[in-house]
């Protein structure tokens, strides 16, 4: 958060004027959160159950979810 605030206050306002900056900053935040969540899940005792579920995902259902 502090780094984003620092970039927004940059002397030539390049980040304030860039229309893509908010989207890119949001995407980076989402990637960071998903990476952290994946790491925390991997450390739990339920890792084997989670991997079994992921390996046995019904691809037809997954395809339907992504198409909606």
PDB file of N, CA and C in Angstrom:
ATOM      1  N   UNK A   1       0.829  -1.181   0.000  1.00  0.00           N
ATOM      2  CA  UNK A   1       0.000   0.000   0.000  1.00  0.00           C
ATOM      3  C   UNK A   1       0.878   1.251   0.000  1.00  0.00           C
ATOM      4  N   UNK A   2       1.897   1.239   0.823  1.00  0.00           N
ATOM      5  CA  UNK A   2       2.781   2.405   0.900  1.00  0.00           C
ATOM      6  C   UNK A   2       3.529   2.612  -0.412  1.00  0.00           C
ATOM      7  N   UNK A   3       3.930   1.510  -1.047  1.00  0.00           N
ATOM      8  CA  UNK A   3       4.648   1.624  -2.324  1.00  0.00           C
ATOM      9  C   UNK A   3       3.737   2.208  -3.403  1.00  0.00           C
ATOM     10  N   UNK A   4       2.484   1.769  -3.444  1.00  0.00           N
ATOM     11  CA  UNK A   4       1.525   2.325  -4.407  1.00  0.00           C
ATOM     12  C   UNK A   4       1.311   3.810  -4.151  1.00  0.00           C
ATOM     13  N   UNK A   5       1.189   4.179  -2.898  1.00  0.00           N
ATOM     14  CA  UNK A   5       1.012   5.592  -2.553  1.00  0.00           C
ATOM     15  C   UNK A   5       2.230   6.401  -2.992  1.00  0.00           C
ATOM     16  N   UNK A   6       3.415   5.831  -2.784  1.00  0.00           N
ATOM     17  CA  UNK A   6       4.652   6.494  -3.209  1.00  0.00           C
ATOM     18  C   UNK A   6       4.663   6.695  -4.727  1.00  0.00           C
ATOM     19  N   UNK A   7       4.262   5.667  -5.483  1.00  0.00           N
ATOM     20  CA  UNK A   7       4.239   5.782  -6.939  1.00  0.00           C
ATOM     21  C   UNK A   7       3.231   6.830  -7.404  1.00  0.00           C
ATOM     22  N   UNK A   8       2.090   6.903  -6.739  1.00  0.00           N
ATOM     23  CA  UNK A   8       1.088   7.891  -7.118  1.00  0.00           C
ATOM     24  C   UNK A   8       1.556   9.325  -6.865  1.00  0.00           C
ATOM     25  N   UNK A   9       2.483   9.495  -5.948  1.00  0.00           N
ATOM     26  CA  UNK A   9       2.997  10.832  -5.645  1.00  0.00           C
ATOM     27  C   UNK A   9       4.305  11.128  -6.390  1.00  0.00           C
ATOM     28  N   UNK A  10       4.637  10.328  -7.391  1.00  0.00           N
ATOM     29  CA  UNK A  10       5.864  10.519  -8.171  1.00  0.00           C
ATOM     30  C   UNK A  10       5.893  11.922  -8.756  1.00  0.00           C
ATOM     31  N   UNK A  11       7.066  12.521  -8.856  1.00  0.00           N
ATOM     32  CA  UNK A  11       7.194  13.943  -9.189  1.00  0.00           C
ATOM     33  C   UNK A  11       6.570  14.351 -10.523  1.00  0.00           C
ATOM     34  N   UNK A  12       6.581  13.480 -11.546  1.00  0.00           N
ATOM     35  CA  UNK A  12       6.016  13.887 -12.834  1.00  0.00           C
ATOM     36  C   UNK A  12       4.603  13.342 -13.062  1.00  0.00           C
ATOM     37  N   UNK A  13       4.022  12.748 -12.018  1.00  0.00           N
ATOM     38  CA  UNK A  13       2.642  12.242 -12.037  1.00  0.00           C
ATOM     39  C   UNK A  13       2.386  11.193 -13.117  1.00  0.00           C
ATOM     40  N   UNK A  14       3.427  10.477 -13.511  1.00  0.00           N
ATOM     41  CA  UNK A  14       3.262   9.482 -14.574  1.00  0.00           C
ATOM     42  C   UNK A  14       2.303   8.364 -14.174  1.00  0.00           C
ATOM     43  N   UNK A  15       2.277   8.008 -12.893  1.00  0.00           N
ATOM     44  CA  UNK A  15       1.387   6.939 -12.452  1.00  0.00           C
ATOM     45  C   UNK A  15      -0.044   7.443 -12.269  1.00  0.00           C
ATOM     46  N   UNK A  16      -0.189   8.707 -11.932  1.00  0.00           N
ATOM     47  CA  UNK A  16      -1.531   9.280 -11.821  1.00  0.00           C
ATOM     48  C   UNK A  16      -2.186   9.410 -13.190  1.00  0.00           C
ATOM     49  N   UNK A  17      -1.389   9.663 -14.210  1.00  0.00           N
ATOM     50  CA  UNK A  17      -1.914   9.862 -15.561  1.00  0.00           C
ATOM     51  C   UNK A  17      -2.053   8.566 -16.347  1.00  0.00           C
ATOM     52  N   UNK A  18      -1.394   7.515 -15.901  1.00  0.00           N
ATOM     53  CA  UNK A  18      -1.429   6.241 -16.623  1.00  0.00           C
ATOM     54  C   UNK A  18      -2.774   5.547 -16.378  1.00  0.00           C
ATOM     55  N   UNK A  19      -3.583   5.339 -17.424  1.00  0.00           N
ATOM     56  CA  UNK A  19      -4.900   4.713 -17.230  1.00  0.00           C
ATOM     57  C   UNK A  19      -4.817   3.243 -16.838  1.00  0.00           C
ATOM     58  N   UNK A  20      -3.665   2.618 -17.063  1.00  0.00           N
ATOM     59  CA  UNK A  20      -3.522   1.193 -16.763  1.00  0.00           C
ATOM     60  C   UNK A  20      -2.984   0.926 -15.356  1.00  0.00           C
ATOM     61  N   UNK A  21      -2.456   1.952 -14.711  1.00  0.00           N
ATOM     62  CA  UNK A  21      -1.846   1.747 -13.389  1.00  0.00           C
ATOM     63  C   UNK A  21      -2.798   1.140 -12.365  1.00  0.00           C
ATOM     64  N   UNK A  22      -4.037   1.624 -12.207  1.00  0.00           N
ATOM     65  CA  UNK A  22      -4.928   1.017 -11.201  1.00  0.00           C
ATOM     66  C   UNK A  22      -5.186  -0.465 -11.462  1.00  0.00           C
ATOM     67  N   UNK A  23      -5.370  -0.828 -12.730  1.00  0.00           N
ATOM     68  CA  UNK A  23      -5.617  -2.229 -13.062  1.00  0.00           C
ATOM     69  C   UNK A  23      -4.401  -3.097 -12.776  1.00  0.00           C
ATOM     70  N   UNK A  24      -3.240  -2.621 -13.145  1.00  0.00           N
ATOM     71  CA  UNK A  24      -2.008  -3.390 -12.911  1.00  0.00           C
ATOM     72  C   UNK A  24      -1.744  -3.524 -11.417  1.00  0.00           C
ATOM     73  N   UNK A  25      -1.943  -2.450 -10.665  1.00  0.00           N
ATOM     74  CA  UNK A  25      -1.747  -2.501  -9.211  1.00  0.00           C
ATOM     75  C   UNK A  25      -2.725  -3.493  -8.578  1.00  0.00           C
ATOM     76  N   UNK A  26      -3.969  -3.476  -9.035  1.00  0.00           N
ATOM     77  CA  UNK A  26      -4.963  -4.417  -8.522  1.00  0.00           C
ATOM     78  C   UNK A  26      -4.581  -5.857  -8.872  1.00  0.00           C
ATOM     79  N   UNK A  27      -4.132  -6.097 -10.105  1.00  0.00           N
ATOM     80  CA  UNK A  27      -3.723  -7.444 -10.508  1.00  0.00           C
ATOM     81  C   UNK A  27      -2.555  -7.946  -9.674  1.00  0.00           C
ATOM     82  N   UNK A  28      -1.594  -7.090  -9.404  1.00  0.00           N
ATOM     83  CA  UNK A  28      -0.451  -7.494  -8.575  1.00  0.00           C
ATOM     84  C   UNK A  28      -0.909  -7.854  -7.165  1.00  0.00           C
ATOM     85  N   UNK A  29      -1.841  -7.073  -6.641  1.00  0.00           N
ATOM     86  CA  UNK A  29      -2.375  -7.350  -5.307  1.00  0.00           C
ATOM     87  C   UNK A  29      -3.087  -8.705  -5.277  1.00  0.00           C
ATOM     88  N   UNK A  30      -3.873  -8.988  -6.300  1.00  0.00           N
ATOM     89  CA  UNK A  30      -4.584 -10.263  -6.390  1.00  0.00           C
ATOM     90  C   UNK A  30      -3.607 -11.429  -6.495  1.00  0.00           C
ATOM     91  N   UNK A  31      -2.567 -11.285  -7.309  1.00  0.00           N
ATOM     92  CA  UNK A  31      -1.567 -12.355  -7.447  1.00  0.00           C
ATOM     93  C   UNK A  31      -0.843 -12.602  -6.131  1.00  0.00           C
ATOM     94  N   UNK A  32      -0.517 -11.536  -5.434  1.00  0.00           N
ATOM     95  CA  UNK A  32       0.166 -11.672  -4.144  1.00  0.00           C
ATOM     96  C   UNK A  32      -0.711 -12.414  -3.146  1.00  0.00           C
ATOM     97  N   UNK A  33      -1.994 -12.039  -3.085  1.00  0.00           N
ATOM     98  CA  UNK A  33      -2.911 -12.694  -2.149  1.00  0.00           C
ATOM     99  C   UNK A  33      -3.127 -14.160  -2.500  1.00  0.00           C
ATOM    100  N   UNK A  34      -3.243 -14.477  -3.780  1.00  0.00           N
ATOM    101  CA  UNK A  34      -3.467 -15.871  -4.167  1.00  0.00           C
ATOM    102  C   UNK A  34      -2.224 -16.712  -3.918  1.00  0.00           C
ATOM    103  N   UNK A  35      -1.050 -16.139  -4.123  1.00  0.00           N
ATOM    104  CA  UNK A  35       0.188 -16.864  -3.849  1.00  0.00           C
ATOM    105  C   UNK A  35       0.315 -17.139  -2.362  1.00  0.00           C
ATOM    106  N   UNK A  36       0.022 -16.158  -1.545  1.00  0.00           N
ATOM    107  CA  UNK A  36       0.085 -16.336  -0.091  1.00  0.00           C
ATOM    108  C   UNK A  36      -0.939 -17.361   0.360  1.00  0.00           C
ATOM    109  N   UNK A  37      -2.145 -17.298  -0.164  1.00  0.00           N
ATOM    110  CA  UNK A  37      -3.186 -18.253   0.219  1.00  0.00           C
ATOM    111  C   UNK A  37      -2.797 -19.664  -0.194  1.00  0.00           C
ATOM    112  N   UNK A  38      -2.223 -19.826  -1.370  1.00  0.00           N
ATOM    113  CA  UNK A  38      -1.783 -21.144  -1.826  1.00  0.00           C
ATOM    114  C   UNK A  38      -0.675 -21.699  -0.951  1.00  0.00           C
ATOM    115  N   UNK A  39       0.234 -20.854  -0.529  1.00  0.00           N
ATOM    116  CA  UNK A  39       1.323 -21.281   0.337  1.00  0.00           C
ATOM    117  C   UNK A  39       0.782 -21.715   1.696  1.00  0.00           C
ATOM    118  N   UNK A  40      -0.138 -20.949   2.250  1.00  0.00           N
ATOM    119  CA  UNK A  40      -0.700 -21.295   3.553  1.00  0.00           C
ATOM    120  C   UNK A  40      -1.489 -22.596   3.488  1.00  0.00           C
ATOM    121  N   UNK A  41      -2.206 -22.826   2.398  1.00  0.00           N
ATOM    122  CA  UNK A  41      -2.952 -24.070   2.245  1.00  0.00           C
ATOM    123  C   UNK A  41      -1.999 -25.249   2.150  1.00  0.00           C
ATOM    124  N   UNK A  42      -0.891 -25.063   1.465  1.00  0.00           N
ATOM    125  CA  UNK A  42       0.072 -26.142   1.275  1.00  0.00           C
ATOM    126  C   UNK A  42       0.712 -26.580   2.591  1.00  0.00           C
ATOM    127  N   UNK A  43       0.727 -25.721   3.573  1.00  0.00           N
ATOM    128  CA  UNK A  43       1.352 -26.046   4.848  1.00  0.00           C
ATOM    129  C   UNK A  43       0.436 -26.828   5.787  1.00  0.00           C
ATOM    130  N   UNK A  44      -0.829 -26.900   5.490  1.00  0.00           N
ATOM    131  CA  UNK A  44      -1.767 -27.559   6.399  1.00  0.00           C
ATOM    132  C   UNK A  44      -1.748 -29.072   6.223  1.00  0.00           C
ATOM    133  N   UNK A  45      -2.295 -29.759   7.201  1.00  0.00           N
ATOM    134  CA  UNK A  45      -2.350 -31.219   7.153  1.00  0.00           C
ATOM    135  C   UNK A  45      -3.267 -31.736   6.056  1.00  0.00           C
ATOM    136  N   UNK A  46      -4.163 -30.915   5.595  1.00  0.00           N
ATOM    137  CA  UNK A  46      -5.127 -31.349   4.583  1.00  0.00           C
ATOM    138  C   UNK A  46      -4.570 -31.273   3.159  1.00  0.00           C
ATOM    139  N   UNK A  47      -3.272 -31.114   3.030  1.00  0.00           N
ATOM    140  CA  UNK A  47      -2.653 -30.959   1.707  1.00  0.00           C
ATOM    141  C   UNK A  47      -2.982 -32.131   0.790  1.00  0.00           C
ATOM    142  N   UNK A  48      -2.882 -33.345   1.310  1.00  0.00           N
ATOM    143  CA  UNK A  48      -3.143 -34.522   0.476  1.00  0.00           C
ATOM    144  C   UNK A  48      -4.586 -34.529  -0.028  1.00  0.00           C
ATOM    145  N   UNK A  49      -5.526 -34.215   0.843  1.00  0.00           N
ATOM    146  CA  UNK A  49      -6.938 -34.159   0.433  1.00  0.00           C
ATOM    147  C   UNK A  49      -7.169 -33.092  -0.631  1.00  0.00           C
ATOM    148  N   UNK A  50      -6.534 -31.963  -0.452  1.00  0.00           N
ATOM    149  CA  UNK A  50      -6.697 -30.865  -1.420  1.00  0.00           C
ATOM    150  C   UNK A  50      -6.122 -31.260  -2.775  1.00  0.00           C
ATOM    151  N   UNK A  51      -4.949 -31.866  -2.778  1.00  0.00           N
ATOM    152  CA  UNK A  51      -4.363 -32.277  -4.058  1.00  0.00           C
ATOM    153  C   UNK A  51      -5.203 -33.350  -4.734  1.00  0.00           C
ATOM    154  N   UNK A  52      -5.762 -34.270  -3.952  1.00  0.00           N
ATOM    155  CA  UNK A  52      -6.646 -35.285  -4.538  1.00  0.00           C
ATOM    156  C   UNK A  52      -7.863 -34.647  -5.189  1.00  0.00           C
ATOM    157  N   UNK A  53      -8.448 -33.674  -4.524  1.00  0.00           N
ATOM    158  CA  UNK A  53      -9.607 -32.982  -5.092  1.00  0.00           C
ATOM    159  C   UNK A  53      -9.235 -32.248  -6.377  1.00  0.00           C
ATOM    160  N   UNK A  54      -8.099 -31.590  -6.363  1.00  0.00           N
ATOM    161  CA  UNK A  54      -7.674 -30.861  -7.564  1.00  0.00           C
ATOM    162  C   UNK A  54      -7.396 -31.799  -8.734  1.00  0.00           C
ATOM    163  N   UNK A  55      -6.822 -32.940  -8.429  1.00  0.00           N
ATOM    164  CA  UNK A  55      -6.500 -33.903  -9.497  1.00  0.00           C
ATOM    165  C   UNK A  55      -7.754 -34.581 -10.045  1.00  0.00           C
ATOM    166  N   UNK A  56      -8.826 -34.592  -9.275  1.00  0.00           N
ATOM    167  CA  UNK A  56     -10.059 -35.260  -9.695  1.00  0.00           C
ATOM    168  C   UNK A  56     -11.184 -34.291 -10.028  1.00  0.00           C
ATOM    169  N   UNK A  57     -10.836 -33.073 -10.405  1.00  0.00           N
ATOM    170  CA  UNK A  57     -11.847 -32.082 -10.763  1.00  0.00           C
ATOM    171  C   UNK A  57     -12.538 -32.520 -12.053  1.00  0.00           C
ATOM    172  N   UNK A  58     -13.848 -32.417 -12.060  1.00  0.00           N
ATOM    173  CA  UNK A  58     -14.619 -32.734 -13.257  1.00  0.00           C
ATOM    174  C   UNK A  58     -14.407 -31.593 -14.255  1.00  0.00           C
ATOM    175  N   UNK A  59     -13.691 -31.870 -15.332  1.00  0.00           N
ATOM    176  CA  UNK A  59     -13.331 -30.841 -16.301  1.00  0.00           C
ATOM    177  C   UNK A  59     -14.554 -30.249 -17.007  1.00  0.00           C
ATOM    178  N   UNK A  60     -15.602 -31.034 -17.141  1.00  0.00           N
ATOM    179  CA  UNK A  60     -16.824 -30.539 -17.773  1.00  0.00           C
ATOM    180  C   UNK A  60     -17.474 -29.454 -16.912  1.00  0.00           C
ATOM    181  N   UNK A  61     -17.515 -29.686 -15.623  1.00  0.00           N
ATOM    182  CA  UNK A  61     -18.073 -28.705 -14.697  1.00  0.00           C
ATOM    183  C   UNK A  61     -17.191 -27.454 -14.677  1.00  0.00           C
ATOM    184  N   UNK A  62     -15.891 -27.642 -14.647  1.00  0.00           N
ATOM    185  CA  UNK A  62     -14.970 -26.522 -14.646  1.00  0.00           C
ATOM    186  C   UNK A  62     -15.130 -25.692 -15.926  1.00  0.00           C
ATOM    187  N   UNK A  63     -15.295 -26.352 -17.037  1.00  0.00           N
ATOM    188  CA  UNK A  63     -15.501 -25.658 -18.304  1.00  0.00           C
ATOM    189  C   UNK A  63     -16.803 -24.860 -18.288  1.00  0.00           C
ATOM    190  N   UNK A  64     -17.858 -25.454 -17.732  1.00  0.00           N
ATOM    191  CA  UNK A  64     -19.131 -24.737 -17.626  1.00  0.00           C
ATOM    192  C   UNK A  64     -18.991 -23.479 -16.757  1.00  0.00           C
ATOM    193  N   UNK A  65     -18.237 -23.584 -15.670  1.00  0.00           N
ATOM    194  CA  UNK A  65     -18.064 -22.442 -14.773  1.00  0.00           C
ATOM    195  C   UNK A  65     -17.298 -21.312 -15.462  1.00  0.00           C
ATOM    196  N   UNK A  66     -16.308 -21.669 -16.247  1.00  0.00           N
ATOM    197  CA  UNK A  66     -15.512 -20.634 -16.909  1.00  0.00           C
ATOM    198  C   UNK A  66     -16.222 -19.986 -18.066  1.00  0.00           C
ATOM    199  N   UNK A  67     -17.214 -20.672 -18.638  1.00  0.00           N
ATOM    200  CA  UNK A  67     -17.948 -20.123 -19.761  1.00  0.00           C
ATOM    201  C   UNK A  67     -19.084 -19.214 -19.341  1.00  0.00           C
ATOM    202  N   UNK A  68     -19.443 -19.196 -18.077  1.00  0.00           N
ATOM    203  CA  UNK A  68     -20.557 -18.356 -17.607  1.00  0.00           C
ATOM    204  C   UNK A  68     -20.089 -17.024 -17.138  1.00  0.00           C
TER     205      UNK A  68
END
